[in-house]
């Protein structure tokens, strides 16, 4: 089985090849701007989740048929994901915790990869708590001048 670093490296190469319109050189300043913008969007994503703000969270997703997230091996389309968020959030009392070891890589002028571990406690309306932890990655694309999640992969362990 290939190691994780090789898989991430291959993903970065193939993503950059597939997403960029041509070979574009980015200087360090541009890479830093991209990383900072995506880190801010990750904080915004996390804040929307903690606030149980379904519409704000869904606003981080790129609309369209190419969007999908794998959640523990299950492929979720935009429609499935947004419906689940909108129907689940009103039943929850809180989501606490967050991302650990967030790392963002600028792959192209309009593409970035964010990876992190997470640990959170989800409390439902009855007060029952579920502790979740795992690892996740998100492929961000700049769409209409705003960074949005085009692909995600979340594993709970």
C-alpha atoms as a PDB file:
ATOM      1  CA  UNK A   1       0.000   0.000   0.000  1.00  0.00           C
ATOM      2  CA  UNK A   2       1.481   3.403  -0.961  1.00  0.00           C
ATOM      3  CA  UNK A   3       2.245   5.692   1.931  1.00  0.00           C
ATOM      4  CA  UNK A   4       0.087   8.758   2.648  1.00  0.00           C
ATOM      5  CA  UNK A   5       2.787  11.269   1.638  1.00  0.00           C
ATOM      6  CA  UNK A   6       3.077   9.718  -1.833  1.00  0.00           C
ATOM      7  CA  UNK A   7      -0.701   9.694  -2.265  1.00  0.00           C
ATOM      8  CA  UNK A   8      -0.978  13.351  -1.259  1.00  0.00           C
ATOM      9  CA  UNK A   9       1.888  14.201  -3.599  1.00  0.00           C
ATOM     10  CA  UNK A  10       0.246  12.399  -6.510  1.00  0.00           C
ATOM     11  CA  UNK A  11      -3.077  14.072  -5.728  1.00  0.00           C
ATOM     12  CA  UNK A  12      -1.373  17.460  -5.778  1.00  0.00           C
ATOM     13  CA  UNK A  13       0.303  16.766  -9.124  1.00  0.00           C
ATOM     14  CA  UNK A  14      -2.832  15.422 -10.807  1.00  0.00           C
ATOM     15  CA  UNK A  15      -5.036  18.137  -9.351  1.00  0.00           C
ATOM     16  CA  UNK A  16      -2.705  20.850 -10.545  1.00  0.00           C
ATOM     17  CA  UNK A  17      -2.580  19.305 -14.004  1.00  0.00           C
ATOM     18  CA  UNK A  18      -6.354  18.902 -14.206  1.00  0.00           C
ATOM     19  CA  UNK A  19      -7.377  22.230 -12.703  1.00  0.00           C
ATOM     20  CA  UNK A  20      -5.029  24.786 -14.121  1.00  0.00           C
ATOM     21  CA  UNK A  21      -5.641  26.210 -17.566  1.00  0.00           C
ATOM     22  CA  UNK A  22      -1.954  26.111 -18.347  1.00  0.00           C
ATOM     23  CA  UNK A  23       1.362  26.167 -16.631  1.00  0.00           C
ATOM     24  CA  UNK A  24       1.350  29.146 -14.294  1.00  0.00           C
ATOM     25  CA  UNK A  25       4.241  30.055 -12.074  1.00  0.00           C
ATOM     26  CA  UNK A  26       3.304  31.285  -8.624  1.00  0.00           C
ATOM     27  CA  UNK A  27       5.764  33.223  -6.560  1.00  0.00           C
ATOM     28  CA  UNK A  28       5.936  32.764  -2.798  1.00  0.00           C
ATOM     29  CA  UNK A  29       3.883  35.878  -2.177  1.00  0.00           C
ATOM     30  CA  UNK A  30       1.026  34.533  -4.314  1.00  0.00           C
ATOM     31  CA  UNK A  31       1.230  31.115  -2.618  1.00  0.00           C
ATOM     32  CA  UNK A  32       1.092  32.818   0.780  1.00  0.00           C
ATOM     33  CA  UNK A  33      -1.985  34.833  -0.246  1.00  0.00           C
ATOM     34  CA  UNK A  34      -3.752  31.656  -1.394  1.00  0.00           C
ATOM     35  CA  UNK A  35      -2.850  29.771   1.791  1.00  0.00           C
ATOM     36  CA  UNK A  36      -4.069  32.647   3.973  1.00  0.00           C
ATOM     37  CA  UNK A  37      -7.331  32.974   2.020  1.00  0.00           C
ATOM     38  CA  UNK A  38      -8.091  29.251   2.286  1.00  0.00           C
ATOM     39  CA  UNK A  39      -7.114  29.160   5.979  1.00  0.00           C
ATOM     40  CA  UNK A  40      -9.606  32.005   6.545  1.00  0.00           C
ATOM     41  CA  UNK A  41     -12.301  30.049   4.669  1.00  0.00           C
ATOM     42  CA  UNK A  42     -11.526  26.977   6.788  1.00  0.00           C
ATOM     43  CA  UNK A  43     -12.018  29.098   9.932  1.00  0.00           C
ATOM     44  CA  UNK A  44     -15.275  30.408   8.458  1.00  0.00           C
ATOM     45  CA  UNK A  45     -16.378  26.838   7.665  1.00  0.00           C
ATOM     46  CA  UNK A  46     -15.605  25.753  11.222  1.00  0.00           C
ATOM     47  CA  UNK A  47     -17.389  28.804  12.699  1.00  0.00           C
ATOM     48  CA  UNK A  48     -20.517  28.057  10.635  1.00  0.00           C
ATOM     49  CA  UNK A  49     -20.464  24.482  11.868  1.00  0.00           C
ATOM     50  CA  UNK A  50     -20.047  25.559  15.514  1.00  0.00           C
ATOM     51  CA  UNK A  51     -22.882  28.086  15.120  1.00  0.00           C
ATOM     52  CA  UNK A  52     -25.059  25.385  13.522  1.00  0.00           C
ATOM     53  CA  UNK A  53     -25.602  27.795  10.628  1.00  0.00           C
ATOM     54  CA  UNK A  54     -26.574  25.410   7.824  1.00  0.00           C
ATOM     55  CA  UNK A  55     -26.836  28.063   5.108  1.00  0.00           C
ATOM     56  CA  UNK A  56     -23.459  29.593   5.918  1.00  0.00           C
ATOM     57  CA  UNK A  57     -21.843  26.140   5.950  1.00  0.00           C
ATOM     58  CA  UNK A  58     -23.471  25.140   2.654  1.00  0.00           C
ATOM     59  CA  UNK A  59     -22.186  28.428   1.204  1.00  0.00           C
ATOM     60  CA  UNK A  60     -18.666  26.993   1.401  1.00  0.00           C
ATOM     61  CA  UNK A  61     -19.521  24.266  -1.148  1.00  0.00           C
ATOM     62  CA  UNK A  62     -19.035  24.694  -4.897  1.00  0.00           C
ATOM     63  CA  UNK A  63     -22.430  24.242  -6.521  1.00  0.00           C
ATOM     64  CA  UNK A  64     -22.567  21.712  -9.320  1.00  0.00           C
ATOM     65  CA  UNK A  65     -22.360  18.118 -10.438  1.00  0.00           C
ATOM     66  CA  UNK A  66     -18.578  17.891  -9.917  1.00  0.00           C
ATOM     67  CA  UNK A  67     -18.860  18.514  -6.162  1.00  0.00           C
ATOM     68  CA  UNK A  68     -18.704  15.511  -3.898  1.00  0.00           C
ATOM     69  CA  UNK A  69     -17.439  14.462  -0.507  1.00  0.00           C
ATOM     70  CA  UNK A  70     -16.467  10.988   0.591  1.00  0.00           C
ATOM     71  CA  UNK A  71     -17.580  10.445   4.190  1.00  0.00           C
ATOM     72  CA  UNK A  72     -16.209   7.158   5.564  1.00  0.00           C
ATOM     73  CA  UNK A  73     -16.213   5.729   2.052  1.00  0.00           C
ATOM     74  CA  UNK A  74     -19.691   6.918   1.095  1.00  0.00           C
ATOM     75  CA  UNK A  75     -19.828   9.324  -1.845  1.00  0.00           C
ATOM     76  CA  UNK A  76     -22.084  12.302  -1.143  1.00  0.00           C
ATOM     77  CA  UNK A  77     -23.180  14.648  -3.927  1.00  0.00           C
ATOM     78  CA  UNK A  78     -23.922  18.338  -3.468  1.00  0.00           C
ATOM     79  CA  UNK A  79     -27.634  17.588  -3.152  1.00  0.00           C
ATOM     80  CA  UNK A  80     -27.156  14.813  -0.592  1.00  0.00           C
ATOM     81  CA  UNK A  81     -24.651  16.824   1.441  1.00  0.00           C
ATOM     82  CA  UNK A  82     -26.668  20.043   1.551  1.00  0.00           C
ATOM     83  CA  UNK A  83     -29.903  18.203   2.362  1.00  0.00           C
ATOM     84  CA  UNK A  84     -28.164  16.357   5.220  1.00  0.00           C
ATOM     85  CA  UNK A  85     -26.694  19.565   6.675  1.00  0.00           C
ATOM     86  CA  UNK A  86     -29.990  21.435   6.423  1.00  0.00           C
ATOM     87  CA  UNK A  87     -31.999  18.628   8.014  1.00  0.00           C
ATOM     88  CA  UNK A  88     -29.488  17.654  10.728  1.00  0.00           C
ATOM     89  CA  UNK A  89     -28.385  21.037  12.092  1.00  0.00           C
ATOM     90  CA  UNK A  90     -31.836  21.954  13.514  1.00  0.00           C
ATOM     91  CA  UNK A  91     -31.816  18.706  15.553  1.00  0.00           C
ATOM     92  CA  UNK A  92     -28.508  19.492  17.275  1.00  0.00           C
ATOM     93  CA  UNK A  93     -27.783  21.423  20.431  1.00  0.00           C
ATOM     94  CA  UNK A  94     -24.088  21.972  19.705  1.00  0.00           C
ATOM     95  CA  UNK A  95     -20.916  20.948  17.899  1.00  0.00           C
ATOM     96  CA  UNK A  96     -17.756  21.655  19.872  1.00  0.00           C
ATOM     97  CA  UNK A  97     -14.105  21.046  19.072  1.00  0.00           C
ATOM     98  CA  UNK A  98     -12.443  21.586  15.763  1.00  0.00           C
ATOM     99  CA  UNK A  99      -9.531  21.136  13.428  1.00  0.00           C
ATOM    100  CA  UNK A 100      -6.054  20.132  14.559  1.00  0.00           C
ATOM    101  CA  UNK A 101      -2.899  20.426  12.446  1.00  0.00           C
ATOM    102  CA  UNK A 102      -4.536  22.336   9.599  1.00  0.00           C
ATOM    103  CA  UNK A 103      -2.219  22.485   6.601  1.00  0.00           C
ATOM    104  CA  UNK A 104      -3.016  24.302   3.339  1.00  0.00           C
ATOM    105  CA  UNK A 105      -1.057  23.881   0.110  1.00  0.00           C
ATOM    106  CA  UNK A 106      -1.478  26.195  -2.884  1.00  0.00           C
ATOM    107  CA  UNK A 107      -1.551  23.927  -5.943  1.00  0.00           C
ATOM    108  CA  UNK A 108      -2.443  26.463  -8.628  1.00  0.00           C
ATOM    109  CA  UNK A 109      -3.667  30.065  -8.701  1.00  0.00           C
ATOM    110  CA  UNK A 110      -7.252  28.815  -8.295  1.00  0.00           C
ATOM    111  CA  UNK A 111      -6.734  25.503  -6.434  1.00  0.00           C
ATOM    112  CA  UNK A 112      -5.616  24.627  -2.906  1.00  0.00           C
ATOM    113  CA  UNK A 113      -5.604  21.481  -0.791  1.00  0.00           C
ATOM    114  CA  UNK A 114      -6.377  21.667   2.936  1.00  0.00           C
ATOM    115  CA  UNK A 115      -5.750  18.744   5.278  1.00  0.00           C
ATOM    116  CA  UNK A 116      -6.381  18.386   8.992  1.00  0.00           C
ATOM    117  CA  UNK A 117      -7.265  16.100  11.816  1.00  0.00           C
ATOM    118  CA  UNK A 118     -10.383  16.894  13.811  1.00  0.00           C
ATOM    119  CA  UNK A 119     -11.923  16.119  17.157  1.00  0.00           C
ATOM    120  CA  UNK A 120     -15.411  17.256  18.038  1.00  0.00           C
ATOM    121  CA  UNK A 121     -18.290  16.520  20.351  1.00  0.00           C
ATOM    122  CA  UNK A 122     -21.751  16.589  18.808  1.00  0.00           C
ATOM    123  CA  UNK A 123     -24.670  17.063  21.212  1.00  0.00           C
ATOM    124  CA  UNK A 124     -28.155  16.312  19.936  1.00  0.00           C
ATOM    125  CA  UNK A 125     -31.381  17.947  21.084  1.00  0.00           C
ATOM    126  CA  UNK A 126     -31.839  15.340  23.847  1.00  0.00           C
ATOM    127  CA  UNK A 127     -28.383  16.030  25.278  1.00  0.00           C
ATOM    128  CA  UNK A 128     -26.788  12.791  23.997  1.00  0.00           C
ATOM    129  CA  UNK A 129     -23.170  13.328  23.004  1.00  0.00           C
ATOM    130  CA  UNK A 130     -21.109  11.682  20.295  1.00  0.00           C
ATOM    131  CA  UNK A 131     -17.357  12.186  20.211  1.00  0.00           C
ATOM    132  CA  UNK A 132     -15.942  12.140  16.689  1.00  0.00           C
ATOM    133  CA  UNK A 133     -12.360  12.291  15.549  1.00  0.00           C
ATOM    134  CA  UNK A 134     -10.586  11.590  12.318  1.00  0.00           C
ATOM    135  CA  UNK A 135      -8.827  13.112   9.348  1.00  0.00           C
ATOM    136  CA  UNK A 136     -10.108  15.151   6.432  1.00  0.00           C
ATOM    137  CA  UNK A 137      -8.969  16.797   3.239  1.00  0.00           C
ATOM    138  CA  UNK A 138     -10.697  19.428   1.125  1.00  0.00           C
ATOM    139  CA  UNK A 139      -9.928  20.530  -2.400  1.00  0.00           C
ATOM    140  CA  UNK A 140     -10.720  24.243  -2.644  1.00  0.00           C
ATOM    141  CA  UNK A 141     -11.327  26.013  -5.964  1.00  0.00           C
ATOM    142  CA  UNK A 142     -11.658  29.706  -6.506  1.00  0.00           C
ATOM    143  CA  UNK A 143     -15.094  30.119  -8.102  1.00  0.00           C
ATOM    144  CA  UNK A 144     -16.394  33.556  -9.001  1.00  0.00           C
ATOM    145  CA  UNK A 145     -13.674  35.151  -6.878  1.00  0.00           C
ATOM    146  CA  UNK A 146     -14.513  33.098  -3.762  1.00  0.00           C
ATOM    147  CA  UNK A 147     -12.846  29.962  -2.410  1.00  0.00           C
ATOM    148  CA  UNK A 148     -15.254  27.002  -2.276  1.00  0.00           C
ATOM    149  CA  UNK A 149     -14.932  23.301  -1.504  1.00  0.00           C
ATOM    150  CA  UNK A 150     -15.104  21.228  -4.705  1.00  0.00           C
ATOM    151  CA  UNK A 151     -14.127  17.894  -3.146  1.00  0.00           C
ATOM    152  CA  UNK A 152     -13.710  16.503   0.328  1.00  0.00           C
ATOM    153  CA  UNK A 153     -12.707  13.306   2.053  1.00  0.00           C
ATOM    154  CA  UNK A 154     -13.536  12.667   5.710  1.00  0.00           C
ATOM    155  CA  UNK A 155     -12.641   9.558   7.688  1.00  0.00           C
ATOM    156  CA  UNK A 156     -13.741   8.968  11.258  1.00  0.00           C
ATOM    157  CA  UNK A 157     -11.683   6.572  13.366  1.00  0.00           C
END
